[in-house]
N, C-alpha and C. Protein backbone atom coordinates (compact mmCIF):
# COMPACT_ATOMS: atom_id res chain seq x y z
N UNK A 1 -75.33 2.49 46.75
CA UNK A 1 -76.32 3.35 46.13
C UNK A 1 -76.65 4.52 47.03
N UNK A 2 -77.03 5.59 46.41
CA UNK A 2 -77.40 6.79 47.15
C UNK A 2 -78.75 6.58 47.83
N UNK A 3 -78.98 7.20 48.99
CA UNK A 3 -80.27 7.07 49.68
C UNK A 3 -81.47 7.45 48.82
N UNK A 4 -81.34 8.50 47.97
CA UNK A 4 -82.47 8.89 47.15
C UNK A 4 -82.80 7.83 46.10
N UNK A 5 -81.78 7.07 45.67
CA UNK A 5 -82.02 5.98 44.73
C UNK A 5 -82.82 4.88 45.42
N UNK A 6 -82.43 4.53 46.64
CA UNK A 6 -83.15 3.51 47.38
C UNK A 6 -84.58 3.96 47.65
N UNK A 7 -84.78 5.23 47.95
CA UNK A 7 -86.11 5.76 48.18
C UNK A 7 -86.96 5.62 46.91
N UNK A 8 -86.38 5.91 45.76
CA UNK A 8 -87.08 5.75 44.49
C UNK A 8 -87.46 4.29 44.29
N UNK A 9 -86.53 3.39 44.57
CA UNK A 9 -86.79 1.96 44.42
C UNK A 9 -87.98 1.54 45.29
N UNK A 10 -88.02 2.01 46.52
CA UNK A 10 -89.13 1.67 47.42
C UNK A 10 -90.46 2.20 46.87
N UNK A 11 -90.44 3.38 46.28
CA UNK A 11 -91.65 3.93 45.67
C UNK A 11 -92.10 3.06 44.49
N UNK A 12 -91.14 2.59 43.70
CA UNK A 12 -91.46 1.69 42.59
C UNK A 12 -92.12 0.43 43.12
N UNK A 13 -91.57 -0.13 44.18
CA UNK A 13 -92.13 -1.36 44.75
C UNK A 13 -93.56 -1.13 45.23
N UNK A 14 -93.81 0.01 45.84
CA UNK A 14 -95.16 0.30 46.35
C UNK A 14 -96.17 0.40 45.20
N UNK A 15 -95.77 1.03 44.10
CA UNK A 15 -96.67 1.12 42.95
C UNK A 15 -96.89 -0.27 42.34
N UNK A 16 -95.81 -1.00 42.16
CA UNK A 16 -95.91 -2.34 41.54
C UNK A 16 -96.80 -3.27 42.37
N UNK A 17 -96.78 -3.12 43.67
CA UNK A 17 -97.62 -3.96 44.54
C UNK A 17 -99.11 -3.68 44.33
N UNK A 18 -99.43 -2.54 43.73
CA UNK A 18 -100.83 -2.17 43.50
C UNK A 18 -101.38 -2.69 42.18
N UNK A 19 -100.51 -3.22 41.31
CA UNK A 19 -100.97 -3.71 40.00
C UNK A 19 -101.92 -4.89 40.25
N UNK A 20 -103.14 -4.79 39.79
CA UNK A 20 -104.10 -5.86 40.04
C UNK A 20 -103.72 -7.17 39.35
N UNK A 21 -104.14 -8.26 39.95
CA UNK A 21 -104.00 -9.58 39.38
C UNK A 21 -104.63 -9.58 37.99
N UNK A 22 -103.92 -10.15 37.02
CA UNK A 22 -104.45 -10.23 35.67
C UNK A 22 -104.30 -8.97 34.85
N UNK A 23 -103.49 -8.04 35.34
CA UNK A 23 -103.25 -6.77 34.63
C UNK A 23 -101.75 -6.55 34.52
N UNK A 24 -101.33 -5.68 33.62
CA UNK A 24 -99.92 -5.31 33.48
C UNK A 24 -99.82 -3.79 33.36
N UNK A 25 -98.64 -3.29 33.63
CA UNK A 25 -98.33 -1.89 33.40
C UNK A 25 -96.95 -1.82 32.78
N UNK A 26 -96.49 -0.62 32.50
CA UNK A 26 -95.17 -0.47 31.88
C UNK A 26 -94.21 0.25 32.82
N UNK A 27 -92.93 0.10 32.51
CA UNK A 27 -91.90 0.79 33.27
C UNK A 27 -92.14 2.30 33.21
N UNK A 28 -92.48 2.78 32.02
CA UNK A 28 -92.71 4.21 31.83
C UNK A 28 -93.92 4.72 32.58
N UNK A 29 -94.98 3.91 32.65
CA UNK A 29 -96.19 4.33 33.38
C UNK A 29 -95.88 4.50 34.86
N UNK A 30 -95.06 3.61 35.40
CA UNK A 30 -94.67 3.74 36.81
C UNK A 30 -93.80 4.98 36.99
N UNK A 31 -92.84 5.17 36.09
CA UNK A 31 -91.96 6.35 36.17
C UNK A 31 -92.78 7.64 36.09
N UNK A 32 -93.71 7.71 35.15
CA UNK A 32 -94.57 8.90 35.03
C UNK A 32 -95.35 9.15 36.29
N UNK A 33 -95.92 8.09 36.86
CA UNK A 33 -96.71 8.22 38.08
C UNK A 33 -95.87 8.80 39.22
N UNK A 34 -94.60 8.40 39.25
CA UNK A 34 -93.71 8.86 40.32
C UNK A 34 -93.09 10.23 40.02
N UNK A 35 -93.50 10.86 38.91
CA UNK A 35 -92.99 12.18 38.57
C UNK A 35 -91.58 12.16 38.00
N UNK A 36 -91.19 11.01 37.48
CA UNK A 36 -89.84 10.85 36.92
C UNK A 36 -89.97 10.28 35.51
N UNK A 37 -90.61 11.01 34.63
CA UNK A 37 -91.01 10.51 33.32
C UNK A 37 -89.87 9.95 32.48
N UNK A 38 -88.66 10.37 32.73
CA UNK A 38 -87.52 9.88 31.94
C UNK A 38 -86.77 8.76 32.65
N UNK A 39 -87.40 8.13 33.61
CA UNK A 39 -86.71 7.13 34.44
C UNK A 39 -87.27 5.72 34.29
N UNK A 40 -87.82 5.40 33.13
CA UNK A 40 -88.35 4.05 32.92
C UNK A 40 -87.27 2.99 33.15
N UNK A 41 -86.06 3.26 32.67
CA UNK A 41 -84.97 2.30 32.86
C UNK A 41 -84.65 2.11 34.34
N UNK A 42 -84.73 3.19 35.11
CA UNK A 42 -84.47 3.10 36.55
C UNK A 42 -85.55 2.26 37.23
N UNK A 43 -86.77 2.33 36.75
CA UNK A 43 -87.85 1.47 37.27
C UNK A 43 -87.47 0.02 37.03
N UNK A 44 -86.95 -0.27 35.84
CA UNK A 44 -86.50 -1.63 35.54
C UNK A 44 -85.41 -2.08 36.48
N UNK A 45 -84.43 -1.21 36.74
CA UNK A 45 -83.36 -1.56 37.68
C UNK A 45 -83.93 -1.84 39.07
N UNK A 46 -84.89 -1.05 39.47
CA UNK A 46 -85.50 -1.27 40.78
C UNK A 46 -86.16 -2.64 40.85
N UNK A 47 -86.87 -3.01 39.79
CA UNK A 47 -87.59 -4.28 39.80
C UNK A 47 -86.67 -5.48 39.78
N UNK A 48 -85.46 -5.32 39.24
CA UNK A 48 -84.49 -6.42 39.28
C UNK A 48 -84.22 -6.80 40.73
N UNK A 49 -84.16 -5.81 41.60
CA UNK A 49 -83.85 -6.06 43.00
C UNK A 49 -85.05 -6.34 43.88
N UNK A 50 -86.20 -6.60 43.27
CA UNK A 50 -87.43 -6.74 44.06
C UNK A 50 -87.81 -8.19 44.36
N UNK A 51 -87.00 -9.14 43.96
CA UNK A 51 -87.36 -10.56 44.06
C UNK A 51 -87.75 -10.95 45.48
N UNK A 52 -87.00 -10.54 46.48
CA UNK A 52 -87.29 -10.95 47.86
C UNK A 52 -88.26 -10.01 48.56
N UNK A 53 -88.87 -9.07 47.84
CA UNK A 53 -89.73 -8.07 48.46
C UNK A 53 -91.22 -8.27 48.16
N UNK A 54 -91.59 -9.43 47.67
CA UNK A 54 -92.99 -9.74 47.37
C UNK A 54 -93.62 -8.71 46.44
N UNK A 55 -92.90 -8.37 45.38
CA UNK A 55 -93.35 -7.41 44.38
C UNK A 55 -93.68 -8.18 43.10
N UNK A 56 -94.87 -7.99 42.53
CA UNK A 56 -95.23 -8.71 41.30
C UNK A 56 -94.57 -8.10 40.06
N UNK A 57 -93.25 -8.16 40.01
CA UNK A 57 -92.49 -7.55 38.91
C UNK A 57 -92.84 -8.15 37.56
N UNK A 58 -93.38 -9.36 37.55
CA UNK A 58 -93.76 -9.99 36.28
C UNK A 58 -94.88 -9.22 35.58
N UNK A 59 -95.58 -8.37 36.30
CA UNK A 59 -96.67 -7.59 35.72
C UNK A 59 -96.22 -6.29 35.08
N UNK A 60 -94.91 -6.06 35.03
CA UNK A 60 -94.38 -4.83 34.44
C UNK A 60 -93.64 -5.20 33.15
N UNK A 61 -94.09 -4.61 32.05
CA UNK A 61 -93.54 -4.89 30.73
C UNK A 61 -93.14 -3.57 30.07
N UNK A 62 -92.60 -3.64 28.87
CA UNK A 62 -92.24 -2.37 28.23
C UNK A 62 -93.48 -1.72 27.61
N UNK A 63 -93.30 -0.56 27.02
CA UNK A 63 -94.44 0.23 26.52
C UNK A 63 -95.19 -0.43 25.38
N UNK A 64 -94.59 -1.45 24.78
CA UNK A 64 -95.24 -2.19 23.70
C UNK A 64 -95.79 -3.54 24.15
N UNK A 65 -95.69 -3.80 25.44
CA UNK A 65 -96.17 -5.07 25.96
C UNK A 65 -95.16 -6.20 25.88
N UNK A 66 -93.92 -5.89 25.56
CA UNK A 66 -92.89 -6.92 25.46
C UNK A 66 -92.36 -7.29 26.84
N UNK A 67 -92.06 -8.56 27.02
CA UNK A 67 -91.52 -9.07 28.28
C UNK A 67 -90.01 -8.85 28.31
N UNK A 68 -89.59 -7.60 28.31
CA UNK A 68 -88.17 -7.28 28.23
C UNK A 68 -87.40 -7.65 29.49
N UNK A 69 -88.08 -7.81 30.60
CA UNK A 69 -87.39 -8.16 31.85
C UNK A 69 -87.35 -9.64 32.14
N UNK A 70 -87.77 -10.47 31.20
CA UNK A 70 -87.93 -11.89 31.47
C UNK A 70 -86.62 -12.59 31.83
N UNK A 71 -85.50 -12.11 31.35
CA UNK A 71 -84.24 -12.77 31.65
C UNK A 71 -83.80 -12.56 33.10
N UNK A 72 -84.52 -11.73 33.85
CA UNK A 72 -84.21 -11.53 35.26
C UNK A 72 -84.99 -12.48 36.17
N UNK A 73 -85.82 -13.32 35.59
CA UNK A 73 -86.58 -14.30 36.35
C UNK A 73 -85.90 -15.66 36.25
N UNK A 74 -86.03 -16.46 37.30
CA UNK A 74 -85.47 -17.80 37.27
C UNK A 74 -86.15 -18.60 36.17
N UNK A 75 -85.39 -19.48 35.54
CA UNK A 75 -85.97 -20.29 34.47
C UNK A 75 -86.12 -19.47 33.20
N UNK A 76 -86.39 -20.13 32.12
CA UNK A 76 -86.43 -19.44 30.83
C UNK A 76 -87.76 -18.76 30.56
N UNK A 77 -88.86 -19.27 31.11
CA UNK A 77 -90.17 -18.71 30.79
C UNK A 77 -91.00 -18.35 32.03
N UNK A 78 -90.36 -18.14 33.16
CA UNK A 78 -91.12 -17.91 34.39
C UNK A 78 -92.01 -16.67 34.31
N UNK A 79 -91.50 -15.58 33.76
CA UNK A 79 -92.31 -14.36 33.66
C UNK A 79 -93.56 -14.63 32.83
N UNK A 80 -93.40 -15.28 31.70
CA UNK A 80 -94.53 -15.61 30.84
C UNK A 80 -95.49 -16.55 31.54
N UNK A 81 -94.97 -17.55 32.25
CA UNK A 81 -95.82 -18.50 32.95
C UNK A 81 -96.63 -17.81 34.04
N UNK A 82 -96.02 -16.89 34.76
CA UNK A 82 -96.74 -16.16 35.81
C UNK A 82 -97.86 -15.32 35.21
N UNK A 83 -97.57 -14.64 34.10
CA UNK A 83 -98.60 -13.84 33.44
C UNK A 83 -99.73 -14.72 32.92
N UNK A 84 -99.38 -15.82 32.29
CA UNK A 84 -100.40 -16.71 31.74
C UNK A 84 -101.25 -17.34 32.84
N UNK A 85 -100.65 -17.57 34.01
CA UNK A 85 -101.42 -18.13 35.12
C UNK A 85 -102.46 -17.13 35.63
N UNK A 86 -102.29 -15.85 35.27
CA UNK A 86 -103.25 -14.81 35.64
C UNK A 86 -104.21 -14.50 34.50
N UNK A 87 -104.13 -15.30 33.42
CA UNK A 87 -105.05 -15.13 32.30
C UNK A 87 -104.58 -14.19 31.21
N UNK A 88 -103.36 -13.74 31.30
CA UNK A 88 -102.81 -12.83 30.29
C UNK A 88 -102.25 -13.67 29.14
N UNK A 89 -102.61 -13.32 27.94
CA UNK A 89 -102.16 -14.05 26.74
C UNK A 89 -100.83 -13.46 26.28
N UNK A 90 -99.82 -14.34 26.18
CA UNK A 90 -98.49 -13.93 25.74
C UNK A 90 -98.10 -14.77 24.54
N UNK A 91 -97.67 -14.10 23.48
CA UNK A 91 -97.20 -14.80 22.28
C UNK A 91 -95.95 -14.10 21.80
N UNK A 92 -94.90 -14.87 21.53
CA UNK A 92 -93.62 -14.31 21.09
C UNK A 92 -93.13 -13.21 22.03
N UNK A 93 -93.21 -13.49 23.33
CA UNK A 93 -92.73 -12.58 24.38
C UNK A 93 -93.47 -11.25 24.43
N UNK A 94 -94.72 -11.23 23.95
CA UNK A 94 -95.49 -9.99 23.95
C UNK A 94 -96.91 -10.24 24.44
N UNK A 95 -97.38 -9.36 25.32
CA UNK A 95 -98.76 -9.42 25.80
C UNK A 95 -99.67 -9.13 24.61
N UNK A 96 -100.60 -10.04 24.33
CA UNK A 96 -101.43 -9.93 23.13
C UNK A 96 -102.59 -8.95 23.28
N UNK A 97 -103.22 -8.92 24.39
CA UNK A 97 -104.36 -8.02 24.59
C UNK A 97 -103.92 -6.85 25.48
N UNK A 98 -102.81 -6.26 25.10
CA UNK A 98 -102.14 -5.25 25.92
C UNK A 98 -103.07 -4.09 26.32
N UNK A 99 -103.78 -3.53 25.37
CA UNK A 99 -104.66 -2.40 25.68
C UNK A 99 -105.77 -2.78 26.67
N UNK A 100 -106.22 -4.01 26.60
CA UNK A 100 -107.30 -4.47 27.49
C UNK A 100 -106.82 -4.72 28.91
N UNK A 101 -105.59 -5.20 29.06
CA UNK A 101 -105.10 -5.56 30.39
C UNK A 101 -104.16 -4.51 30.99
N UNK A 102 -103.91 -3.44 30.24
CA UNK A 102 -103.00 -2.41 30.73
C UNK A 102 -103.62 -1.66 31.91
N UNK A 103 -102.83 -1.49 32.95
CA UNK A 103 -103.23 -0.77 34.15
C UNK A 103 -102.41 0.52 34.24
N UNK A 104 -103.10 1.65 34.29
CA UNK A 104 -102.45 2.95 34.33
C UNK A 104 -102.48 3.46 35.77
N UNK A 105 -101.32 3.48 36.44
CA UNK A 105 -101.30 3.91 37.85
C UNK A 105 -101.86 5.30 38.08
N UNK A 106 -101.62 6.23 37.16
CA UNK A 106 -102.08 7.61 37.38
C UNK A 106 -103.60 7.72 37.35
N UNK A 107 -104.27 6.73 36.76
CA UNK A 107 -105.73 6.74 36.72
C UNK A 107 -106.35 5.90 37.83
N UNK A 108 -105.53 5.05 38.44
CA UNK A 108 -106.05 4.11 39.43
C UNK A 108 -105.66 4.43 40.86
N UNK A 109 -104.54 5.11 41.03
CA UNK A 109 -104.07 5.38 42.40
C UNK A 109 -104.28 6.83 42.78
């Protein structure tokens, strides 16, 4: 990978580490915060590689609250279990109270 890609990944990790317990954000919200509004998919790629970096990637969902990254977690329901352990309600792979638990990095950081 190119150095600038790795630098972007590190920025994604730093933002994701700021997501409060019991809250979620979206790939696009992180991309927008980093000034790369069309890079939501790249945020997802970064989070795939964050397992050993103590990044709460389970708190990042798509713009509709869907757990689209769940297949990158060990086990079949680990992402959902982690979210539910933080009090987030998930039904049919979707955060139910999405507007209430959504964390917007541009307003918080």
